[in-house]
Each structure stands twice: as structure tokens, then as C-alpha cells.
Amino acid sequence: MEQYFDVKGTTLFVRLPSEIDHHNAEELRKGADKILQKKLIRLVAFDFEQTVFMDSSGIGMIMGRYKMMRFMGGTVIAVHVNERMQRIMKLSGICKLIDIYEGMPEPDKAVLNGLL
């Protein structure tokens, strides 16, 4: 499961698998929470580059990390989101809570926007 997580500074990158369902959403949640408890993370970036399917378990996993980061004063973003995932995020309301980027925001812009 560690292949999904990468920490750089105060940013946790979560490379999501091709399908996010109840089987792997729980593993992703546990892995992310373990890192969030051990390290000072200010930004969680969910990378949807490989993702083609996400059910309500995946939505719940993302919403839970959003709530946790908001409580901790941090931010959650989504990157490399294809049309299908954008539609799911729009229907679920996630896109109203987290910013969606085509790629990782440039550090200078991210600092100005309070992301990093």
C-alpha cells in the first residue's frame, strides 16, 4: 500500500489506483491517516491520473481526509482528474470543497493561494 503514498515536505501525495471501491478505500484511509498522525502535513494531494472508477467508499475516504485536514488547518486538492472523475466529484459535491487542478499547482502560486 505504501506505493500509493509519498511525502515531500509538508505535502502528502496520494496516487490513487485505477478503481477506488470498498476494498481499497479502507486501505487508503488507514495509510493516509497513519501518515497524517505521524507527520506535520499541511496539504493532501489526491492524484487521479490512473483512476477510472470510484464508488461511494472512495468519496467517503476523500471526504474524511478533507474533514481531518480542515480540522488540522490544512488543505486537500485533487490533481489529474479526468472527465469521468470530475463528473463523480461534481455529483457528490466534492468539487465544492476541494480545488481541482490539471497538474500540481506551481509552488509560487500555491504559496500565494495558501496551499503550501
PDB file of N, CA and C in Angstrom:
ATOM      1  N   MET A   1       0.827  -1.202   0.000  1.00  0.00           N
ATOM      2  CA  MET A   1       0.000   0.000   0.000  1.00  0.00           C
ATOM      3  C   MET A   1       0.867   1.261   0.000  1.00  0.00           C
ATOM      4  N   GLU A   2       2.125   1.139   0.469  1.00  0.00           N
ATOM      5  CA  GLU A   2       2.989   2.318   0.526  1.00  0.00           C
ATOM      6  C   GLU A   2       3.260   2.924  -0.842  1.00  0.00           C
ATOM      7  N   GLN A   3       3.090   2.147  -1.919  1.00  0.00           N
ATOM      8  CA  GLN A   3       3.340   2.681  -3.251  1.00  0.00           C
ATOM      9  C   GLN A   3       2.361   3.801  -3.602  1.00  0.00           C
ATOM     10  N   TYR A   4       1.287   3.920  -2.846  1.00  0.00           N
ATOM     11  CA  TYR A   4       0.298   4.959  -3.104  1.00  0.00           C
ATOM     12  C   TYR A   4       0.632   6.290  -2.432  1.00  0.00           C
ATOM     13  N   PHE A   5       1.572   6.282  -1.474  1.00  0.00           N
ATOM     14  CA  PHE A   5       1.833   7.471  -0.670  1.00  0.00           C
ATOM     15  C   PHE A   5       3.251   7.980  -0.863  1.00  0.00           C
ATOM     16  N   ASP A   6       3.364   9.301  -0.898  1.00  0.00           N
ATOM     17  CA  ASP A   6       4.665   9.944  -0.987  1.00  0.00           C
ATOM     18  C   ASP A   6       4.580  11.257  -0.215  1.00  0.00           C
ATOM     19  N   VAL A   7       5.525  11.482   0.677  1.00  0.00           N
ATOM     20  CA  VAL A   7       5.546  12.718   1.461  1.00  0.00           C
ATOM     21  C   VAL A   7       6.738  13.549   1.014  1.00  0.00           C
ATOM     22  N   LYS A   8       6.469  14.792   0.654  1.00  0.00           N
ATOM     23  CA  LYS A   8       7.522  15.747   0.310  1.00  0.00           C
ATOM     24  C   LYS A   8       7.270  16.996   1.131  1.00  0.00           C
ATOM     25  N   GLY A   9       8.154  17.254   2.083  1.00  0.00           N
ATOM     26  CA  GLY A   9       7.964  18.393   2.969  1.00  0.00           C
ATOM     27  C   GLY A   9       6.707  18.208   3.786  1.00  0.00           C
ATOM     28  N   THR A  10       5.779  19.152   3.653  1.00  0.00           N
ATOM     29  CA  THR A  10       4.514  19.078   4.387  1.00  0.00           C
ATOM     30  C   THR A  10       3.353  18.662   3.485  1.00  0.00           C
ATOM     31  N   THR A  11       3.690  18.036   2.353  1.00  0.00           N
ATOM     32  CA  THR A  11       2.660  17.602   1.406  1.00  0.00           C
ATOM     33  C   THR A  11       2.619  16.085   1.334  1.00  0.00           C
ATOM     34  N   LEU A  12       1.413  15.536   1.432  1.00  0.00           N
ATOM     35  CA  LEU A  12       1.187  14.111   1.248  1.00  0.00           C
ATOM     36  C   LEU A  12       0.546  13.912  -0.123  1.00  0.00           C
ATOM     37  N   PHE A  13       1.243  13.189  -0.999  1.00  0.00           N
ATOM     38  CA  PHE A  13       0.710  12.851  -2.311  1.00  0.00           C
ATOM     39  C   PHE A  13       0.116  11.448  -2.225  1.00  0.00           C
ATOM     40  N   VAL A  14      -1.134  11.315  -2.652  1.00  0.00           N
ATOM     41  CA  VAL A  14      -1.802  10.017  -2.652  1.00  0.00           C
ATOM     42  C   VAL A  14      -2.123   9.673  -4.106  1.00  0.00           C
ATOM     43  N   ARG A  15      -1.350   8.722  -4.665  1.00  0.00           N
ATOM     44  CA  ARG A  15      -1.585   8.263  -6.033  1.00  0.00           C
ATOM     45  C   ARG A  15      -2.666   7.189  -5.976  1.00  0.00           C
ATOM     46  N   LEU A  16      -3.839   7.545  -6.442  1.00  0.00           N
ATOM     47  CA  LEU A  16      -4.995   6.649  -6.340  1.00  0.00           C
ATOM     48  C   LEU A  16      -4.927   5.553  -7.389  1.00  0.00           C
ATOM     49  N   PRO A  17      -5.414   4.354  -7.055  1.00  0.00           N
ATOM     50  CA  PRO A  17      -5.415   3.247  -8.017  1.00  0.00           C
ATOM     51  C   PRO A  17      -6.474   3.457  -9.098  1.00  0.00           C
ATOM     52  N   SER A  18      -6.495   2.547 -10.075  1.00  0.00           N
ATOM     53  CA  SER A  18      -7.436   2.692 -11.188  1.00  0.00           C
ATOM     54  C   SER A  18      -8.884   2.603 -10.726  1.00  0.00           C
ATOM     55  N   GLU A  19      -9.147   1.807  -9.704  1.00  0.00           N
ATOM     56  CA  GLU A  19     -10.501   1.684  -9.161  1.00  0.00           C
ATOM     57  C   GLU A  19     -10.464   1.907  -7.656  1.00  0.00           C
ATOM     58  N   ILE A  20     -11.337   2.775  -7.178  1.00  0.00           N
ATOM     59  CA  ILE A  20     -11.440   3.024  -5.741  1.00  0.00           C
ATOM     60  C   ILE A  20     -12.807   2.509  -5.306  1.00  0.00           C
ATOM     61  N   ASP A  21     -12.782   1.376  -4.606  1.00  0.00           N
ATOM     62  CA  ASP A  21     -14.014   0.775  -4.121  1.00  0.00           C
ATOM     63  C   ASP A  21     -13.844   0.438  -2.638  1.00  0.00           C
ATOM     64  N   HIS A  22     -14.812  -0.265  -2.061  1.00  0.00           N
ATOM     65  CA  HIS A  22     -14.759  -0.532  -0.623  1.00  0.00           C
ATOM     66  C   HIS A  22     -13.553  -1.375  -0.220  1.00  0.00           C
ATOM     67  N   HIS A  23     -12.986  -2.140  -1.156  1.00  0.00           N
ATOM     68  CA  HIS A  23     -11.818  -2.963  -0.836  1.00  0.00           C
ATOM     69  C   HIS A  23     -10.583  -2.109  -0.554  1.00  0.00           C
ATOM     70  N   ASN A  24     -10.294  -1.193  -1.470  1.00  0.00           N
ATOM     71  CA  ASN A  24      -9.063  -0.421  -1.293  1.00  0.00           C
ATOM     72  C   ASN A  24      -9.271   0.946  -0.648  1.00  0.00           C
ATOM     73  N   ALA A  25     -10.498   1.440  -0.583  1.00  0.00           N
ATOM     74  CA  ALA A  25     -10.738   2.737   0.072  1.00  0.00           C
ATOM     75  C   ALA A  25     -10.353   2.670   1.543  1.00  0.00           C
ATOM     76  N   GLU A  26     -10.643   1.551   2.184  1.00  0.00           N
ATOM     77  CA  GLU A  26     -10.300   1.380   3.597  1.00  0.00           C
ATOM     78  C   GLU A  26      -8.783   1.343   3.788  1.00  0.00           C
ATOM     79  N   GLU A  27      -8.076   0.660   2.895  1.00  0.00           N
ATOM     80  CA  GLU A  27      -6.616   0.623   2.963  1.00  0.00           C
ATOM     81  C   GLU A  27      -6.019   2.012   2.736  1.00  0.00           C
ATOM     82  N   LEU A  28      -6.565   2.738   1.775  1.00  0.00           N
ATOM     83  CA  LEU A  28      -6.097   4.101   1.513  1.00  0.00           C
ATOM     84  C   LEU A  28      -6.350   4.997   2.722  1.00  0.00           C
ATOM     85  N   ARG A  29      -7.511   4.856   3.325  1.00  0.00           N
ATOM     86  CA  ARG A  29      -7.841   5.651   4.511  1.00  0.00           C
ATOM     87  C   ARG A  29      -6.863   5.380   5.637  1.00  0.00           C
ATOM     88  N   LYS A  30      -6.636   4.097   5.926  1.00  0.00           N
ATOM     89  CA  LYS A  30      -5.721   3.728   7.006  1.00  0.00           C
ATOM     90  C   LYS A  30      -4.309   4.231   6.736  1.00  0.00           C
ATOM     91  N   GLY A  31      -3.849   4.057   5.505  1.00  0.00           N
ATOM     92  CA  GLY A  31      -2.496   4.507   5.156  1.00  0.00           C
ATOM     93  C   GLY A  31      -2.337   6.011   5.269  1.00  0.00           C
ATOM     94  N   ALA A  32      -3.306   6.758   4.766  1.00  0.00           N
ATOM     95  CA  ALA A  32      -3.247   8.222   4.838  1.00  0.00           C
ATOM     96  C   ALA A  32      -3.325   8.688   6.288  1.00  0.00           C
ATOM     97  N   ASP A  33      -4.229   8.102   7.065  1.00  0.00           N
ATOM     98  CA  ASP A  33      -4.376   8.502   8.467  1.00  0.00           C
ATOM     99  C   ASP A  33      -3.108   8.231   9.264  1.00  0.00           C
ATOM    100  N   LYS A  34      -2.449   7.125   8.984  1.00  0.00           N
ATOM    101  CA  LYS A  34      -1.204   6.789   9.675  1.00  0.00           C
ATOM    102  C   LYS A  34      -0.147   7.863   9.420  1.00  0.00           C
ATOM    103  N   ILE A  35      -0.035   8.302   8.184  1.00  0.00           N
ATOM    104  CA  ILE A  35       0.935   9.345   7.837  1.00  0.00           C
ATOM    105  C   ILE A  35       0.526  10.680   8.452  1.00  0.00           C
ATOM    106  N   LEU A  36      -0.762  11.002   8.389  1.00  0.00           N
ATOM    107  CA  LEU A  36      -1.239  12.281   8.937  1.00  0.00           C
ATOM    108  C   LEU A  36      -1.023  12.371  10.448  1.00  0.00           C
ATOM    109  N   GLN A  37      -1.051  11.241  11.132  1.00  0.00           N
ATOM    110  CA  GLN A  37      -0.827  11.237  12.574  1.00  0.00           C
ATOM    111  C   GLN A  37       0.651  11.359  12.932  1.00  0.00           C
ATOM    112  N   LYS A  38       1.538  10.890  12.051  1.00  0.00           N
ATOM    113  CA  LYS A  38       2.963  10.877  12.350  1.00  0.00           C
ATOM    114  C   LYS A  38       3.711  12.117  11.866  1.00  0.00           C
ATOM    115  N   LYS A  39       3.229  12.737  10.806  1.00  0.00           N
ATOM    116  CA  LYS A  39       3.965  13.843  10.189  1.00  0.00           C
ATOM    117  C   LYS A  39       3.123  15.110  10.188  1.00  0.00           C
ATOM    118  N   LEU A  40       3.812  16.241  10.103  1.00  0.00           N
ATOM    119  CA  LEU A  40       3.136  17.529  10.005  1.00  0.00           C
ATOM    120  C   LEU A  40       2.786  17.761   8.535  1.00  0.00           C
ATOM    121  N   ILE A  41       1.572  17.429   8.165  1.00  0.00           N
ATOM    122  CA  ILE A  41       1.111  17.559   6.781  1.00  0.00           C
ATOM    123  C   ILE A  41       0.176  18.756   6.692  1.00  0.00           C
ATOM    124  N   ARG A  42       0.427  19.623   5.714  1.00  0.00           N
ATOM    125  CA  ARG A  42      -0.407  20.808   5.501  1.00  0.00           C
ATOM    126  C   ARG A  42      -1.254  20.688   4.234  1.00  0.00           C
ATOM    127  N   LEU A  43      -0.849  19.805   3.317  1.00  0.00           N
ATOM    128  CA  LEU A  43      -1.560  19.651   2.047  1.00  0.00           C
ATOM    129  C   LEU A  43      -1.630  18.174   1.691  1.00  0.00           C
ATOM    130  N   VAL A  44      -2.822  17.709   1.364  1.00  0.00           N
ATOM    131  CA  VAL A  44      -3.006  16.358   0.829  1.00  0.00           C
ATOM    132  C   VAL A  44      -3.443  16.516  -0.624  1.00  0.00           C
ATOM    133  N   ALA A  45      -2.665  15.919  -1.533  1.00  0.00           N
ATOM    134  CA  ALA A  45      -2.967  15.986  -2.959  1.00  0.00           C
ATOM    135  C   ALA A  45      -3.341  14.592  -3.447  1.00  0.00           C
ATOM    136  N   PHE A  46      -4.605  14.406  -3.799  1.00  0.00           N
ATOM    137  CA  PHE A  46      -5.070  13.141  -4.363  1.00  0.00           C
ATOM    138  C   PHE A  46      -4.838  13.179  -5.864  1.00  0.00           C
ATOM    139  N   ASP A  47      -4.055  12.230  -6.367  1.00  0.00           N
ATOM    140  CA  ASP A  47      -3.705  12.173  -7.782  1.00  0.00           C
ATOM    141  C   ASP A  47      -4.585  11.127  -8.470  1.00  0.00           C
ATOM    142  N   PHE A  48      -5.476  11.591  -9.340  1.00  0.00           N
ATOM    143  CA  PHE A  48      -6.444  10.740 -10.033  1.00  0.00           C
ATOM    144  C   PHE A  48      -5.966  10.303 -11.414  1.00  0.00           C
ATOM    145  N   GLU A  49      -4.682  10.439 -11.702  1.00  0.00           N
ATOM    146  CA  GLU A  49      -4.183  10.173 -13.049  1.00  0.00           C
ATOM    147  C   GLU A  49      -4.548   8.774 -13.559  1.00  0.00           C
ATOM    148  N   GLN A  50      -4.495   7.763 -12.708  1.00  0.00           N
ATOM    149  CA  GLN A  50      -4.783   6.380 -13.119  1.00  0.00           C
ATOM    150  C   GLN A  50      -6.228   5.962 -12.865  1.00  0.00           C
ATOM    151  N   THR A  51      -7.016   6.804 -12.214  1.00  0.00           N
ATOM    152  CA  THR A  51      -8.333   6.402 -11.722  1.00  0.00           C
ATOM    153  C   THR A  51      -9.415   6.514 -12.793  1.00  0.00           C
ATOM    154  N   VAL A  52     -10.177   5.428 -12.957  1.00  0.00           N
ATOM    155  CA  VAL A  52     -11.289   5.407 -13.913  1.00  0.00           C
ATOM    156  C   VAL A  52     -12.616   5.093 -13.238  1.00  0.00           C
ATOM    157  N   PHE A  53     -12.568   4.658 -11.960  1.00  0.00           N
ATOM    158  CA  PHE A  53     -13.797   4.303 -11.250  1.00  0.00           C
ATOM    159  C   PHE A  53     -13.650   4.651  -9.771  1.00  0.00           C
ATOM    160  N   MET A  54     -14.728   5.206  -9.200  1.00  0.00           N
ATOM    161  CA  MET A  54     -14.759   5.481  -7.770  1.00  0.00           C
ATOM    162  C   MET A  54     -16.201   5.347  -7.301  1.00  0.00           C
ATOM    163  N   ASP A  55     -16.405   4.544  -6.250  1.00  0.00           N
ATOM    164  CA  ASP A  55     -17.747   4.405  -5.696  1.00  0.00           C
ATOM    165  C   ASP A  55     -17.869   5.255  -4.429  1.00  0.00           C
ATOM    166  N   SER A  56     -18.962   5.084  -3.710  1.00  0.00           N
ATOM    167  CA  SER A  56     -19.216   5.916  -2.524  1.00  0.00           C
ATOM    168  C   SER A  56     -18.174   5.713  -1.432  1.00  0.00           C
ATOM    169  N   SER A  57     -17.528   4.562  -1.403  1.00  0.00           N
ATOM    170  CA  SER A  57     -16.458   4.343  -0.424  1.00  0.00           C
ATOM    171  C   SER A  57     -15.281   5.276  -0.685  1.00  0.00           C
ATOM    172  N   GLY A  58     -14.951   5.466  -1.945  1.00  0.00           N
ATOM    173  CA  GLY A  58     -13.874   6.385  -2.318  1.00  0.00           C
ATOM    174  C   GLY A  58     -14.238   7.826  -1.992  1.00  0.00           C
ATOM    175  N   ILE A  59     -15.484   8.179  -2.259  1.00  0.00           N
ATOM    176  CA  ILE A  59     -15.955   9.528  -1.926  1.00  0.00           C
ATOM    177  C   ILE A  59     -15.856   9.753  -0.422  1.00  0.00           C
ATOM    178  N   GLY A  60     -16.283   8.758   0.345  1.00  0.00           N
ATOM    179  CA  GLY A  60     -16.207   8.862   1.800  1.00  0.00           C
ATOM    180  C   GLY A  60     -14.778   8.983   2.298  1.00  0.00           C
ATOM    181  N   MET A  61     -13.862   8.237   1.691  1.00  0.00           N
ATOM    182  CA  MET A  61     -12.457   8.303   2.077  1.00  0.00           C
ATOM    183  C   MET A  61     -11.902   9.707   1.845  1.00  0.00           C
ATOM    184  N   ILE A  62     -12.208  10.295   0.703  1.00  0.00           N
ATOM    185  CA  ILE A  62     -11.730  11.642   0.396  1.00  0.00           C
ATOM    186  C   ILE A  62     -12.365  12.662   1.337  1.00  0.00           C
ATOM    187  N   MET A  63     -13.671  12.534   1.563  1.00  0.00           N
ATOM    188  CA  MET A  63     -14.359  13.470   2.458  1.00  0.00           C
ATOM    189  C   MET A  63     -13.807  13.386   3.882  1.00  0.00           C
ATOM    190  N   GLY A  64     -13.490  12.186   4.331  1.00  0.00           N
ATOM    191  CA  GLY A  64     -12.924  12.025   5.666  1.00  0.00           C
ATOM    192  C   GLY A  64     -11.570  12.700   5.799  1.00  0.00           C
ATOM    193  N   ARG A  65     -10.719  12.577   4.771  1.00  0.00           N
ATOM    194  CA  ARG A  65      -9.408  13.240   4.807  1.00  0.00           C
ATOM    195  C   ARG A  65      -9.589  14.758   4.714  1.00  0.00           C
ATOM    196  N   TYR A  66     -10.585  15.198   3.944  1.00  0.00           N
ATOM    197  CA  TYR A  66     -10.884  16.641   3.873  1.00  0.00           C
ATOM    198  C   TYR A  66     -11.249  17.173   5.262  1.00  0.00           C
ATOM    199  N   LYS A  67     -12.142  16.468   5.951  1.00  0.00           N
ATOM    200  CA  LYS A  67     -12.569  16.913   7.284  1.00  0.00           C
ATOM    201  C   LYS A  67     -11.393  16.927   8.260  1.00  0.00           C
ATOM    202  N   MET A  68     -10.558  15.893   8.186  1.00  0.00           N
ATOM    203  CA  MET A  68      -9.406  15.822   9.069  1.00  0.00           C
ATOM    204  C   MET A  68      -8.437  16.975   8.798  1.00  0.00           C
ATOM    205  N   MET A  69      -8.151  17.221   7.532  1.00  0.00           N
ATOM    206  CA  MET A  69      -7.207  18.297   7.183  1.00  0.00           C
ATOM    207  C   MET A  69      -7.788  19.667   7.534  1.00  0.00           C
ATOM    208  N   ARG A  70      -9.062  19.833   7.339  1.00  0.00           N
ATOM    209  CA  ARG A  70      -9.693  21.105   7.692  1.00  0.00           C
ATOM    210  C   ARG A  70      -9.572  21.345   9.202  1.00  0.00           C
ATOM    211  N   PHE A  71      -9.785  20.311  10.004  1.00  0.00           N
ATOM    212  CA  PHE A  71      -9.651  20.400  11.453  1.00  0.00           C
ATOM    213  C   PHE A  71      -8.211  20.754  11.837  1.00  0.00           C
ATOM    214  N   MET A  72      -7.244  20.225  11.073  1.00  0.00           N
ATOM    215  CA  MET A  72      -5.828  20.457  11.358  1.00  0.00           C
ATOM    216  C   MET A  72      -5.306  21.743  10.720  1.00  0.00           C
ATOM    217  N   GLY A  73      -6.170  22.464  10.007  1.00  0.00           N
ATOM    218  CA  GLY A  73      -5.751  23.708   9.365  1.00  0.00           C
ATOM    219  C   GLY A  73      -5.066  23.514   8.028  1.00  0.00           C
ATOM    220  N   GLY A  74      -5.235  22.346   7.437  1.00  0.00           N
ATOM    221  CA  GLY A  74      -4.604  22.047   6.157  1.00  0.00           C
ATOM    222  C   GLY A  74      -5.582  22.108   5.003  1.00  0.00           C
ATOM    223  N   THR A  75      -5.106  21.655   3.850  1.00  0.00           N
ATOM    224  CA  THR A  75      -5.869  21.743   2.613  1.00  0.00           C
ATOM    225  C   THR A  75      -5.814  20.411   1.869  1.00  0.00           C
ATOM    226  N   VAL A  76      -6.858  20.125   1.108  1.00  0.00           N
ATOM    227  CA  VAL A  76      -6.909  18.950   0.241  1.00  0.00           C
ATOM    228  C   VAL A  76      -7.188  19.421  -1.173  1.00  0.00           C
ATOM    229  N   ILE A  77      -6.443  18.859  -2.137  1.00  0.00           N
ATOM    230  CA  ILE A  77      -6.678  19.159  -3.543  1.00  0.00           C
ATOM    231  C   ILE A  77      -6.738  17.849  -4.326  1.00  0.00           C
ATOM    232  N   ALA A  78      -7.254  17.934  -5.545  1.00  0.00           N
ATOM    233  CA  ALA A  78      -7.264  16.802  -6.470  1.00  0.00           C
ATOM    234  C   ALA A  78      -6.528  17.232  -7.732  1.00  0.00           C
ATOM    235  N   VAL A  79      -5.690  16.341  -8.258  1.00  0.00           N
ATOM    236  CA  VAL A  79      -4.933  16.646  -9.469  1.00  0.00           C
ATOM    237  C   VAL A  79      -5.129  15.538 -10.498  1.00  0.00           C
ATOM    238  N   HIS A  80      -4.899  15.885 -11.765  1.00  0.00           N
ATOM    239  CA  HIS A  80      -5.011  14.943 -12.881  1.00  0.00           C
ATOM    240  C   HIS A  80      -6.374  14.258 -12.912  1.00  0.00           C
ATOM    241  N   VAL A  81      -7.431  15.028 -12.764  1.00  0.00           N
ATOM    242  CA  VAL A  81      -8.787  14.486 -12.700  1.00  0.00           C
ATOM    243  C   VAL A  81      -9.378  14.441 -14.109  1.00  0.00           C
ATOM    244  N   ASN A  82      -9.733  13.236 -14.579  1.00  0.00           N
ATOM    245  CA  ASN A  82     -10.319  13.119 -15.915  1.00  0.00           C
ATOM    246  C   ASN A  82     -11.801  13.505 -15.877  1.00  0.00           C
ATOM    247  N   GLU A  83     -12.433  13.537 -17.042  1.00  0.00           N
ATOM    248  CA  GLU A  83     -13.835  13.962 -17.136  1.00  0.00           C
ATOM    249  C   GLU A  83     -14.769  13.090 -16.298  1.00  0.00           C
ATOM    250  N   ARG A  84     -14.559  11.797 -16.342  1.00  0.00           N
ATOM    251  CA  ARG A  84     -15.429  10.880 -15.605  1.00  0.00           C
ATOM    252  C   ARG A  84     -15.340  11.134 -14.097  1.00  0.00           C
ATOM    253  N   MET A  85     -14.110  11.317 -13.597  1.00  0.00           N
ATOM    254  CA  MET A  85     -13.932  11.572 -12.168  1.00  0.00           C
ATOM    255  C   MET A  85     -14.450  12.963 -11.796  1.00  0.00           C
ATOM    256  N   GLN A  86     -14.306  13.931 -12.704  1.00  0.00           N
ATOM    257  CA  GLN A  86     -14.865  15.266 -12.450  1.00  0.00           C
ATOM    258  C   GLN A  86     -16.373  15.188 -12.297  1.00  0.00           C
ATOM    259  N   ARG A  87     -17.005  14.376 -13.119  1.00  0.00           N
ATOM    260  CA  ARG A  87     -18.466  14.222 -13.044  1.00  0.00           C
ATOM    261  C   ARG A  87     -18.869  13.616 -11.698  1.00  0.00           C
ATOM    262  N   ILE A  88     -18.157  12.578 -11.272  1.00  0.00           N
ATOM    263  CA  ILE A  88     -18.442  11.950  -9.972  1.00  0.00           C
ATOM    264  C   ILE A  88     -18.230  12.956  -8.852  1.00  0.00           C
ATOM    265  N   MET A  89     -17.159  13.734  -8.939  1.00  0.00           N
ATOM    266  CA  MET A  89     -16.863  14.723  -7.903  1.00  0.00           C
ATOM    267  C   MET A  89     -17.920  15.830  -7.882  1.00  0.00           C
ATOM    268  N   LYS A  90     -18.409  16.189  -9.056  1.00  0.00           N
ATOM    269  CA  LYS A  90     -19.453  17.212  -9.119  1.00  0.00           C
ATOM    270  C   LYS A  90     -20.760  16.688  -8.529  1.00  0.00           C
ATOM    271  N   LEU A  91     -21.156  15.473  -8.909  1.00  0.00           N
ATOM    272  CA  LEU A  91     -22.402  14.887  -8.407  1.00  0.00           C
ATOM    273  C   LEU A  91     -22.361  14.665  -6.893  1.00  0.00           C
ATOM    274  N   SER A  92     -21.190  14.337  -6.372  1.00  0.00           N
ATOM    275  CA  SER A  92     -21.059  14.072  -4.938  1.00  0.00           C
ATOM    276  C   SER A  92     -20.876  15.354  -4.125  1.00  0.00           C
ATOM    277  N   GLY A  93     -20.542  16.450  -4.792  1.00  0.00           N
ATOM    278  CA  GLY A  93     -20.328  17.712  -4.094  1.00  0.00           C
ATOM    279  C   GLY A  93     -18.894  17.946  -3.641  1.00  0.00           C
ATOM    280  N   ILE A  94     -18.005  16.989  -3.909  1.00  0.00           N
ATOM    281  CA  ILE A  94     -16.603  17.150  -3.501  1.00  0.00           C
ATOM    282  C   ILE A  94     -15.980  18.388  -4.140  1.00  0.00           C
ATOM    283  N   CYS A  95     -16.350  18.664  -5.387  1.00  0.00           N
ATOM    284  CA  CYS A  95     -15.723  19.784  -6.098  1.00  0.00           C
ATOM    285  C   CYS A  95     -16.064  21.136  -5.470  1.00  0.00           C
ATOM    286  N   LYS A  96     -17.068  21.184  -4.612  1.00  0.00           N
ATOM    287  CA  LYS A  96     -17.383  22.423  -3.907  1.00  0.00           C
ATOM    288  C   LYS A  96     -16.467  22.623  -2.704  1.00  0.00           C
ATOM    289  N   LEU A  97     -15.812  21.560  -2.270  1.00  0.00           N
ATOM    290  CA  LEU A  97     -14.979  21.610  -1.072  1.00  0.00           C
ATOM    291  C   LEU A  97     -13.486  21.639  -1.359  1.00  0.00           C
ATOM    292  N   ILE A  98     -13.066  20.949  -2.417  1.00  0.00           N
ATOM    293  CA  ILE A  98     -11.637  20.915  -2.712  1.00  0.00           C
ATOM    294  C   ILE A  98     -11.383  21.443  -4.114  1.00  0.00           C
ATOM    295  N   ASP A  99     -10.224  22.052  -4.290  1.00  0.00           N
ATOM    296  CA  ASP A  99      -9.833  22.568  -5.601  1.00  0.00           C
ATOM    297  C   ASP A  99      -9.324  21.431  -6.470  1.00  0.00           C
ATOM    298  N   ILE A 100      -9.616  21.540  -7.766  1.00  0.00           N
ATOM    299  CA  ILE A 100      -9.186  20.537  -8.731  1.00  0.00           C
ATOM    300  C   ILE A 100      -8.218  21.207  -9.701  1.00  0.00           C
ATOM    301  N   TYR A 101      -7.056  20.575  -9.910  1.00  0.00           N
ATOM    302  CA  TYR A 101      -6.025  21.100 -10.799  1.00  0.00           C
ATOM    303  C   TYR A 101      -5.715  20.075 -11.878  1.00  0.00           C
ATOM    304  N   GLU A 102      -5.311  20.570 -13.052  1.00  0.00           N
ATOM    305  CA  GLU A 102      -4.898  19.664 -14.123  1.00  0.00           C
ATOM    306  C   GLU A 102      -3.613  18.946 -13.737  1.00  0.00           C
ATOM    307  N   GLY A 103      -2.708  19.662 -13.111  1.00  0.00           N
ATOM    308  CA  GLY A 103      -1.450  19.107 -12.604  1.00  0.00           C
ATOM    309  C   GLY A 103      -1.197  19.715 -11.245  1.00  0.00           C
ATOM    310  N   MET A 104      -0.044  19.444 -10.684  1.00  0.00           N
ATOM    311  CA  MET A 104       0.279  20.040  -9.384  1.00  0.00           C
ATOM    312  C   MET A 104       0.424  21.550  -9.553  1.00  0.00           C
ATOM    313  N   PRO A 105      -0.152  22.340  -8.628  1.00  0.00           N
ATOM    314  CA  PRO A 105      -0.001  23.788  -8.716  1.00  0.00           C
ATOM    315  C   PRO A 105       1.461  24.171  -8.559  1.00  0.00           C
ATOM    316  N   GLU A 106       1.862  25.227  -9.266  1.00  0.00           N
ATOM    317  CA  GLU A 106       3.228  25.714  -9.140  1.00  0.00           C
ATOM    318  C   GLU A 106       3.445  26.200  -7.712  1.00  0.00           C
ATOM    319  N   PRO A 107       4.618  25.923  -7.131  1.00  0.00           N
ATOM    320  CA  PRO A 107       4.855  26.299  -5.731  1.00  0.00           C
ATOM    321  C   PRO A 107       4.599  27.772  -5.418  1.00  0.00           C
ATOM    322  N   ASP A 108       5.012  28.686  -6.300  1.00  0.00           N
ATOM    323  CA  ASP A 108       4.812  30.112  -6.032  1.00  0.00           C
ATOM    324  C   ASP A 108       3.329  30.449  -5.948  1.00  0.00           C
ATOM    325  N   LYS A 109       2.541  29.933  -6.872  1.00  0.00           N
ATOM    326  CA  LYS A 109       1.099  30.190  -6.871  1.00  0.00           C
ATOM    327  C   LYS A 109       0.433  29.507  -5.682  1.00  0.00           C
ATOM    328  N   ALA A 110       0.901  28.307  -5.357  1.00  0.00           N
ATOM    329  CA  ALA A 110       0.315  27.563  -4.247  1.00  0.00           C
ATOM    330  C   ALA A 110       0.551  28.297  -2.936  1.00  0.00           C
ATOM    331  N   VAL A 111       1.754  28.867  -2.769  1.00  0.00           N
ATOM    332  CA  VAL A 111       2.046  29.619  -1.543  1.00  0.00           C
ATOM    333  C   VAL A 111       1.153  30.845  -1.465  1.00  0.00           C
ATOM    334  N   LEU A 112       0.983  31.531  -2.597  1.00  0.00           N
ATOM    335  CA  LEU A 112       0.124  32.726  -2.628  1.00  0.00           C
ATOM    336  C   LEU A 112      -1.317  32.369  -2.317  1.00  0.00           C
ATOM    337  N   ASN A 113      -1.763  31.211  -2.755  1.00  0.00           N
ATOM    338  CA  ASN A 113      -3.136  30.774  -2.510  1.00  0.00           C
ATOM    339  C   ASN A 113      -3.297  30.088  -1.164  1.00  0.00           C
ATOM    340  N   GLY A 114      -2.215  29.996  -0.407  1.00  0.00           N
ATOM    341  CA  GLY A 114      -2.287  29.403   0.921  1.00  0.00           C
ATOM    342  C   GLY A 114      -2.298  27.891   0.932  1.00  0.00           C
ATOM    343  N   LEU A 115      -1.905  27.245  -0.173  1.00  0.00           N
ATOM    344  CA  LEU A 115      -1.908  25.788  -0.227  1.00  0.00           C
ATOM    345  C   LEU A 115      -0.671  25.186   0.422  1.00  0.00           C
ATOM    346  N   LEU A 116       0.468  25.835   0.267  1.00  0.00           N
ATOM    347  CA  LEU A 116       1.717  25.272   0.812  1.00  0.00           C
ATOM    348  C   LEU A 116       2.280  26.172   1.888  1.00  0.00           C
TER     349      LEU A 116
END
